[in-house]
């Protein structure tokens, strides 16, 4: 996994995703900034720092999280939300060497149809994928911005763990309570909680959030408020976690924005009984199309922390996307949960979360319906943050 600029043959221009993504790829910029920066993700080698080899299949992610695609007719755009065959490129040394790709190398980008990405006239204008052989216009100099996000500028981002803990063994709770301050937020179900559990967690320095489900706005709001009342009657919790938040694919009979705004205000009015932090699982908005998810910025007005990602590690690497508006907010307001992650992928997931400015992250070795233990690599995870 490399963060790169691609300089064209004329030596004075760079590939650029217009608008940061969503439109054509051009080669008319003379200074590399965000729109001229691409994440080159190896589809075969584990992305935990291993080198990108010449000939490897890779996808290229643009600034807004979309992927570069070589269209059937030869057009090259940065507008795909999922990386499939048209979004997969073979990265090869222009001199046919099999060595790893490093800073300063000259490479060509071969499409699934066997054509090569071309900067017409060697740079300065149009980009397409119509040539069948590597020539000067099909040759790009790789400028590596960041070989491994763990050692680059994003490594300075201070991250914390926000994790769900449902029916977790006492031994794991003890370990969790000994893992502060890196482990900072714990979410627990009412059935699994006791006043003593809440007190112990808080005394250890954890922020304790009580869990309730909203069914994407389809659960009667008064039932959710009853759950909230029960939590504050149980103990002085630090706030509420609202699960199964808004989802463009789920039909509701209520005004969804009003629904979550009302719940947010309801929690904020409990200050005499405890903390009032709100964390909303808004990861469901990513089920929509890219234009749809850009209309959901309102969720940030209904929560203190937005869980914007809850998916498997495989999807995290290969189909990751994030609304453009997420970059407007500080990392402390963004959380990612990545499950079904093996230990060998842990470093890559953490690096990826730093790259995308998640202030809170949790990497889990089980599935999303079994947050009932700490991952087997817990201590290693703590050390990565």
Protein backbone atom coordinates (compact mmCIF):
# COMPACT_ATOMS: atom_id res chain seq x y z
CA UNK A 1 0.00 0.00 0.00
CA UNK A 2 1.60 3.23 -1.21
CA UNK A 3 0.48 6.84 -1.17
CA UNK A 4 1.77 8.33 -4.40
CA UNK A 5 1.80 11.05 -7.04
CA UNK A 6 2.14 10.08 -10.71
CA UNK A 7 4.32 12.51 -12.70
CA UNK A 8 3.84 12.43 -16.46
CA UNK A 9 6.54 12.01 -19.12
CA UNK A 10 6.90 15.74 -19.78
CA UNK A 11 8.15 16.12 -16.21
CA UNK A 12 5.88 19.04 -15.46
CA UNK A 13 2.44 17.58 -14.82
CA UNK A 14 0.69 15.12 -12.51
CA UNK A 15 -2.32 12.85 -12.77
CA UNK A 16 -5.28 14.49 -11.05
CA UNK A 17 -8.75 13.32 -9.96
CA UNK A 18 -10.89 16.35 -10.71
CA UNK A 19 -12.88 17.50 -7.70
CA UNK A 20 -11.03 15.01 -5.55
CA UNK A 21 -13.03 12.25 -7.23
CA UNK A 22 -16.34 11.70 -8.98
CA UNK A 23 -15.12 12.88 -12.38
CA UNK A 24 -12.39 12.39 -14.97
CA UNK A 25 -8.71 11.76 -14.41
CA UNK A 26 -6.62 14.44 -16.12
CA UNK A 27 -2.92 15.29 -16.33
CA UNK A 28 -2.88 19.08 -16.24
CA UNK A 29 -1.71 19.94 -12.72
CA UNK A 30 1.80 21.23 -12.13
CA UNK A 31 1.84 20.96 -8.33
CA UNK A 32 0.73 17.77 -6.51
CA UNK A 33 -1.83 18.40 -3.79
CA UNK A 34 -4.75 16.35 -2.46
CA UNK A 35 -6.45 15.77 -5.81
CA UNK A 36 -3.15 14.59 -7.25
CA UNK A 37 -2.56 12.08 -4.45
CA UNK A 38 -3.58 8.44 -4.84
CA UNK A 39 -3.56 5.43 -2.57
CA UNK A 40 -2.16 2.45 -4.47
CA UNK A 41 -3.52 -0.68 -2.81
CA UNK A 42 -2.06 -4.09 -3.60
CA UNK A 43 -4.85 -6.64 -4.11
CA UNK A 44 -2.67 -9.67 -3.42
CA UNK A 45 0.02 -8.91 -0.85
CA UNK A 46 -1.09 -8.35 2.70
CA UNK A 47 -1.22 -4.55 3.18
CA UNK A 48 0.75 -4.43 6.44
CA UNK A 49 3.89 -2.91 5.03
CA UNK A 50 4.97 -5.53 2.47
CA UNK A 51 6.44 -4.05 -0.74
CA UNK A 52 4.34 -3.51 -3.85
CA UNK A 53 5.87 -5.72 -6.54
CA UNK A 54 6.00 -4.91 -10.21
CA UNK A 55 3.24 -6.85 -11.97
CA UNK A 56 0.95 -6.81 -8.95
CA UNK A 57 -2.74 -6.11 -9.35
CA UNK A 58 -3.73 -2.96 -7.52
CA UNK A 59 -6.54 -0.46 -7.19
CA UNK A 60 -6.09 3.29 -6.99
CA UNK A 61 -8.17 5.27 -4.54
CA UNK A 62 -8.63 9.00 -4.99
CA UNK A 63 -9.04 11.71 -2.36
CA UNK A 64 -12.78 11.26 -1.72
CA UNK A 65 -12.52 7.49 -1.34
CA UNK A 66 -13.66 6.52 -4.85
CA UNK A 67 -11.62 4.33 -7.18
CA UNK A 68 -10.09 4.98 -10.60
CA UNK A 69 -11.77 3.04 -13.38
CA UNK A 70 -10.78 2.39 -16.99
CA UNK A 71 -14.14 2.53 -18.79
CA UNK A 72 -14.94 0.13 -21.59
CA UNK A 73 -14.43 2.84 -24.22
CA UNK A 74 -11.09 3.98 -22.87
CA UNK A 75 -12.15 6.85 -20.62
CA UNK A 76 -10.40 7.01 -17.23
CA UNK A 77 -12.49 8.30 -14.33
CA UNK A 78 -12.27 8.46 -10.55
CA UNK A 79 -15.93 7.76 -9.86
CA UNK A 80 -16.36 4.16 -8.72
CA UNK A 81 -17.45 3.30 -5.18
CA UNK A 82 -16.54 -0.39 -5.46
CA UNK A 83 -13.32 -1.80 -6.92
CA UNK A 84 -14.03 -4.56 -9.46
CA UNK A 85 -12.26 -5.59 -12.69
CA UNK A 86 -12.37 -2.18 -14.44
CA UNK A 87 -10.91 -0.64 -11.29
CA UNK A 88 -8.01 -3.10 -11.14
CA UNK A 89 -4.67 -2.26 -12.76
CA UNK A 90 -1.42 -4.11 -13.17
CA UNK A 91 1.44 -1.89 -12.04
CA UNK A 92 4.57 -2.70 -14.02
CA UNK A 93 8.04 -1.24 -14.33
CA UNK A 94 8.38 0.50 -17.67
CA UNK A 95 11.63 -1.41 -18.16
CA UNK A 96 9.88 -4.74 -17.36
CA UNK A 97 11.86 -5.22 -14.13
CA UNK A 98 10.25 -7.44 -11.48
CA UNK A 99 11.65 -5.43 -8.56
CA UNK A 100 9.40 -3.81 -5.95
CA UNK A 101 7.94 -0.40 -6.80
CA UNK A 102 9.85 2.35 -5.00
CA UNK A 103 10.09 6.13 -5.07
CA UNK A 104 11.35 7.47 -8.39
CA UNK A 105 10.53 4.36 -10.44
CA UNK A 106 8.98 4.69 -13.88
CA UNK A 107 5.86 2.59 -14.20
CA UNK A 108 3.00 1.83 -16.54
CA UNK A 109 -0.60 1.09 -15.52
CA UNK A 110 -2.17 -1.79 -17.45
CA UNK A 111 -5.95 -2.25 -17.51
CA UNK A 112 -7.86 -5.51 -17.39
CA UNK A 113 -8.34 -5.23 -21.18
CA UNK A 114 -4.58 -5.03 -21.73
CA UNK A 115 -4.46 -1.31 -22.56
CA UNK A 116 -2.32 1.24 -20.75
CA UNK A 117 -3.24 4.51 -19.13
CA UNK A 118 -1.94 7.34 -21.32
CA UNK A 119 -1.31 11.00 -20.61
CA UNK A 120 -1.87 12.38 -24.10
CA UNK A 121 1.05 14.39 -25.46
CA UNK A 122 3.06 13.25 -22.45
CA UNK A 123 1.03 15.36 -20.03
CA UNK A 124 -0.83 18.63 -19.78
CA UNK A 125 -4.32 17.49 -20.69
CA UNK A 126 -6.40 14.41 -21.43
CA UNK A 127 -5.90 10.95 -19.92
CA UNK A 128 -7.29 7.77 -21.48
CA UNK A 129 -6.61 4.03 -21.67
CA UNK A 130 -6.45 3.32 -25.39
CA UNK A 131 -2.84 2.29 -26.04
CA UNK A 132 -1.73 -1.32 -26.28
CA UNK A 133 2.00 -0.74 -25.83
CA UNK A 134 4.17 1.12 -23.32
CA UNK A 135 5.68 4.28 -24.70
CA UNK A 136 6.76 7.59 -23.20
CA UNK A 137 3.17 8.83 -22.82
CA UNK A 138 2.27 5.63 -20.95
CA UNK A 139 5.17 6.04 -18.53
CA UNK A 140 4.75 7.74 -15.15
CA UNK A 141 7.28 8.51 -12.44
CA UNK A 142 6.13 7.37 -9.02
CA UNK A 143 6.62 9.90 -6.24
CA UNK A 144 5.99 8.08 -2.99
CA UNK A 145 4.38 10.36 -0.44
CA UNK A 146 4.17 7.75 2.27
CA UNK A 147 5.50 4.20 1.98
CA UNK A 148 3.61 3.01 5.02
CA UNK A 149 1.00 5.18 6.77
CA UNK A 150 2.31 3.90 10.10
CA UNK A 151 5.51 5.89 9.62
CA UNK A 152 4.10 8.87 7.73
CA UNK A 153 2.39 12.08 8.87
CA UNK A 154 -0.85 10.31 9.77
CA UNK A 155 1.04 8.23 12.32
CA UNK A 156 0.93 11.35 14.52
CA UNK A 157 -2.83 11.01 14.84
CA UNK A 158 -3.64 10.01 18.39
CA UNK A 159 -6.22 7.23 18.29
CA UNK A 160 -8.25 5.51 20.96
CA UNK A 161 -10.34 2.36 21.09
CA UNK A 162 -14.13 2.51 21.28
CA UNK A 163 -15.47 -1.02 21.53
CA UNK A 164 -18.72 -2.92 22.07
CA UNK A 165 -18.60 -5.47 24.90
CA UNK A 166 -21.61 -7.78 25.09
CA UNK A 167 -21.63 -10.79 27.44
CA UNK A 168 -17.87 -10.52 27.77
CA UNK A 169 -16.13 -12.74 30.38
CA UNK A 170 -15.07 -11.12 33.63
CA UNK A 171 -11.43 -11.81 32.81
CA UNK A 172 -11.76 -9.78 29.61
CA UNK A 173 -13.42 -6.95 31.51
CA UNK A 174 -10.47 -6.92 33.89
CA UNK A 175 -8.05 -6.79 30.97
CA UNK A 176 -10.07 -4.01 29.38
CA UNK A 177 -10.04 -1.98 32.59
CA UNK A 178 -6.26 -2.31 32.66
CA UNK A 179 -5.97 -1.04 29.07
CA UNK A 180 -6.72 2.63 29.58
CA UNK A 181 -6.07 5.26 28.36
CA UNK A 182 -5.75 3.69 24.87
CA UNK A 183 -9.02 1.85 25.44
CA UNK A 184 -11.31 4.78 26.11
CA UNK A 185 -14.96 4.02 25.29
CA UNK A 186 -16.90 0.84 26.05
CA UNK A 187 -20.46 0.14 24.93
CA UNK A 188 -22.44 -2.48 26.83
CA UNK A 189 -25.94 -3.93 26.62
CA UNK A 190 -28.41 -3.41 29.46
CA UNK A 191 -28.81 -7.16 30.03
CA UNK A 192 -25.07 -7.46 30.59
CA UNK A 193 -24.68 -4.39 32.79
CA UNK A 194 -24.86 -3.83 36.53
CA UNK A 195 -24.30 -0.68 38.54
CA UNK A 196 -21.09 -2.26 39.84
CA UNK A 197 -19.88 -2.95 36.29
CA UNK A 198 -20.49 0.64 35.29
CA UNK A 199 -18.73 1.97 38.39
CA UNK A 200 -15.70 -0.30 37.93
CA UNK A 201 -15.32 0.69 34.30
CA UNK A 202 -15.58 4.38 35.09
CA UNK A 203 -13.15 4.09 38.00
CA UNK A 204 -10.67 2.49 35.59
CA UNK A 205 -10.92 5.52 33.33
CA UNK A 206 -13.30 4.12 30.72
CA UNK A 207 -16.17 6.10 29.25
CA UNK A 208 -19.25 3.88 29.63
CA UNK A 209 -22.02 4.22 27.03
CA UNK A 210 -25.34 2.40 27.37
CA UNK A 211 -26.53 0.53 24.28
CA UNK A 212 -29.92 0.85 22.62
CA UNK A 213 -31.13 -0.03 19.12
CA UNK A 214 -33.06 2.35 16.88
CA UNK A 215 -33.70 -0.01 13.92
CA UNK A 216 -32.76 2.74 11.46
CA UNK A 217 -35.60 4.90 12.76
CA UNK A 218 -38.25 2.19 12.70
CA UNK A 219 -38.26 1.53 16.42
CA UNK A 220 -40.86 3.68 18.23
CA UNK A 221 -38.98 6.63 19.65
CA UNK A 222 -40.67 6.29 23.04
CA UNK A 223 -39.30 2.73 23.31
CA UNK A 224 -35.80 4.06 22.71
CA UNK A 225 -36.36 6.77 25.31
CA UNK A 226 -37.49 4.12 27.78
CA UNK A 227 -34.17 2.33 27.25
CA UNK A 228 -32.36 5.59 27.85
CA UNK A 229 -34.31 6.17 31.07
CA UNK A 230 -33.52 2.65 32.26
CA UNK A 231 -29.82 3.24 31.74
CA UNK A 232 -29.76 6.47 33.71
CA UNK A 233 -31.80 4.87 36.47
CA UNK A 234 -29.28 2.02 36.68
CA UNK A 235 -26.11 4.07 37.14
CA UNK A 236 -24.36 7.31 36.29
CA UNK A 237 -23.36 6.29 32.81
CA UNK A 238 -21.40 8.61 30.51
CA UNK A 239 -23.86 8.60 27.64
CA UNK A 240 -25.76 6.52 25.09
CA UNK A 241 -24.82 4.50 22.01
CA UNK A 242 -27.58 4.49 19.35
CA UNK A 243 -27.18 1.40 17.18
CA UNK A 244 -28.54 0.73 13.68
CA UNK A 245 -28.76 4.37 12.68
CA UNK A 246 -29.96 5.87 9.40
CA UNK A 247 -29.72 3.75 6.26
CA UNK A 248 -30.78 4.97 2.78
CA UNK A 249 -31.97 1.45 1.91
CA UNK A 250 -34.35 1.19 4.89
CA UNK A 251 -37.82 2.68 4.50
CA UNK A 252 -39.21 4.58 7.48
CA UNK A 253 -42.49 6.29 8.28
CA UNK A 254 -40.86 9.09 10.29
CA UNK A 255 -38.74 12.09 9.43
CA UNK A 256 -35.41 10.42 10.04
CA UNK A 257 -33.50 13.62 10.71
CA UNK A 258 -36.06 14.76 13.27
CA UNK A 259 -36.05 11.30 14.87
CA UNK A 260 -32.31 11.29 15.60
CA UNK A 261 -32.27 14.97 16.47
CA UNK A 262 -34.96 14.30 19.09
CA UNK A 263 -32.99 11.41 20.60
CA UNK A 264 -29.83 13.50 20.69
CA UNK A 265 -31.64 16.26 22.58
CA UNK A 266 -33.25 13.74 24.92
CA UNK A 267 -29.86 12.40 25.98
CA UNK A 268 -28.46 15.90 26.38
CA UNK A 269 -31.29 16.66 28.82
CA UNK A 270 -30.12 13.89 31.20
CA UNK A 271 -27.17 15.87 32.55
CA UNK A 272 -28.49 15.73 36.13
CA UNK A 273 -28.29 11.91 35.99
CA UNK A 274 -24.93 11.38 34.31
CA UNK A 275 -22.88 12.10 31.21
CA UNK A 276 -24.62 12.98 27.97
CA UNK A 277 -22.25 11.84 25.23
CA UNK A 278 -24.03 10.45 22.17
CA UNK A 279 -22.43 7.96 19.80
CA UNK A 280 -24.45 7.01 16.71
CA UNK A 281 -23.85 4.01 14.48
CA UNK A 282 -24.23 5.82 11.17
CA UNK A 283 -22.33 3.24 9.13
CA UNK A 284 -25.56 2.30 7.36
CA UNK A 285 -25.48 5.48 5.32
CA UNK A 286 -22.68 3.90 3.25
CA UNK A 287 -25.25 1.47 1.85
CA UNK A 288 -26.47 4.32 -0.33
CA UNK A 289 -25.05 5.60 -3.58
CA UNK A 290 -22.25 8.13 -3.43
CA UNK A 291 -24.59 11.08 -4.18
CA UNK A 292 -26.93 9.81 -1.46
CA UNK A 293 -24.37 9.57 1.30
CA UNK A 294 -23.26 13.14 0.66
CA UNK A 295 -26.74 14.27 1.81
CA UNK A 296 -26.31 12.70 5.25
CA UNK A 297 -24.01 15.26 6.81
CA UNK A 298 -26.87 16.11 9.15
CA UNK A 299 -25.97 13.05 11.25
CA UNK A 300 -23.04 15.02 12.65
CA UNK A 301 -25.55 17.41 14.25
CA UNK A 302 -27.23 14.51 16.05
CA UNK A 303 -24.19 12.87 17.61
CA UNK A 304 -20.91 13.61 19.32
CA UNK A 305 -19.17 10.63 17.70
CA UNK A 306 -20.27 9.05 14.44
CA UNK A 307 -19.42 5.40 13.81
CA UNK A 308 -19.01 5.71 10.05
CA UNK A 309 -17.62 2.26 9.37
CA UNK A 310 -18.58 -1.21 10.62
CA UNK A 311 -17.55 -3.88 8.17
CA UNK A 312 -15.06 -6.69 7.59
CA UNK A 313 -11.35 -6.14 7.04
CA UNK A 314 -11.63 -7.43 3.47
CA UNK A 315 -14.24 -4.79 2.61
CA UNK A 316 -12.25 -2.15 4.52
CA UNK A 317 -9.27 -2.63 2.20
CA UNK A 318 -11.06 -3.26 -1.09
CA UNK A 319 -14.34 -1.33 -1.02
CA UNK A 320 -13.66 1.46 1.46
CA UNK A 321 -15.36 4.77 0.93
CA UNK A 322 -16.21 7.70 3.10
CA UNK A 323 -18.42 10.76 2.55
CA UNK A 324 -16.48 13.84 1.51
CA UNK A 325 -17.93 15.83 4.37
CA UNK A 326 -16.27 13.55 6.94
CA UNK A 327 -12.97 15.36 6.33
CA UNK A 328 -14.50 18.58 7.71
CA UNK A 329 -14.72 17.16 11.24
CA UNK A 330 -11.96 16.45 13.77
CA UNK A 331 -10.85 12.81 14.09
CA UNK A 332 -12.25 12.69 17.64
CA UNK A 333 -15.73 12.71 16.11
CA UNK A 334 -15.16 9.78 13.74
CA UNK A 335 -15.04 6.07 14.63
CA UNK A 336 -14.36 2.92 12.61
CA UNK A 337 -15.04 -0.68 13.67
CA UNK A 338 -13.41 -3.40 11.57
CA UNK A 339 -14.33 -6.99 12.30
CA UNK A 340 -13.34 -10.40 10.91
CA UNK A 341 -9.73 -9.24 10.89
CA UNK A 342 -6.88 -11.72 11.23
CA UNK A 343 -3.73 -10.71 13.07
CA UNK A 344 -1.68 -10.42 9.89
CA UNK A 345 -4.02 -7.67 8.68
CA UNK A 346 -4.08 -5.74 11.96
CA UNK A 347 -1.24 -3.35 11.12
CA UNK A 348 -2.73 -2.58 7.72
CA UNK A 349 -6.17 -1.87 9.19
CA UNK A 350 -4.78 0.49 11.82
CA UNK A 351 -2.68 2.27 9.21
CA UNK A 352 -5.71 2.58 6.94
CA UNK A 353 -7.80 4.03 9.78
CA UNK A 354 -5.10 6.62 10.46
CA UNK A 355 -4.98 7.47 6.78
CA UNK A 356 -8.70 8.23 6.94
CA UNK A 357 -8.56 10.19 10.20
CA UNK A 358 -10.56 7.91 12.49
CA UNK A 359 -10.00 9.16 16.02
CA UNK A 360 -11.57 5.99 17.40
CA UNK A 361 -10.97 2.54 15.99
CA UNK A 362 -11.66 -1.02 17.05
CA UNK A 363 -10.24 -4.03 15.23
CA UNK A 364 -11.89 -7.33 16.10
CA UNK A 365 -11.13 -10.94 15.19
CA UNK A 366 -14.76 -12.14 15.33
CA UNK A 367 -17.98 -11.25 13.53
CA UNK A 368 -20.20 -8.24 14.16
CA UNK A 369 -22.83 -10.33 15.96
CA UNK A 370 -20.36 -11.66 18.53
CA UNK A 371 -18.61 -8.80 20.28
CA UNK A 372 -18.34 -11.06 23.31
CA UNK A 373 -14.58 -11.19 23.83
CA UNK A 374 -11.45 -9.16 23.36
CA UNK A 375 -9.55 -10.04 20.19
CA UNK A 376 -6.75 -12.56 20.53
CA UNK A 377 -4.26 -9.85 19.47
CA UNK A 378 -5.55 -7.27 22.00
CA UNK A 379 -2.14 -6.33 23.40
CA UNK A 380 -0.73 -5.94 19.88
CA UNK A 381 -3.68 -3.76 18.94
CA UNK A 382 -3.04 -1.52 21.93
CA UNK A 383 0.58 -1.14 20.87
CA UNK A 384 -0.38 -0.05 17.35
CA UNK A 385 -2.40 2.95 18.51
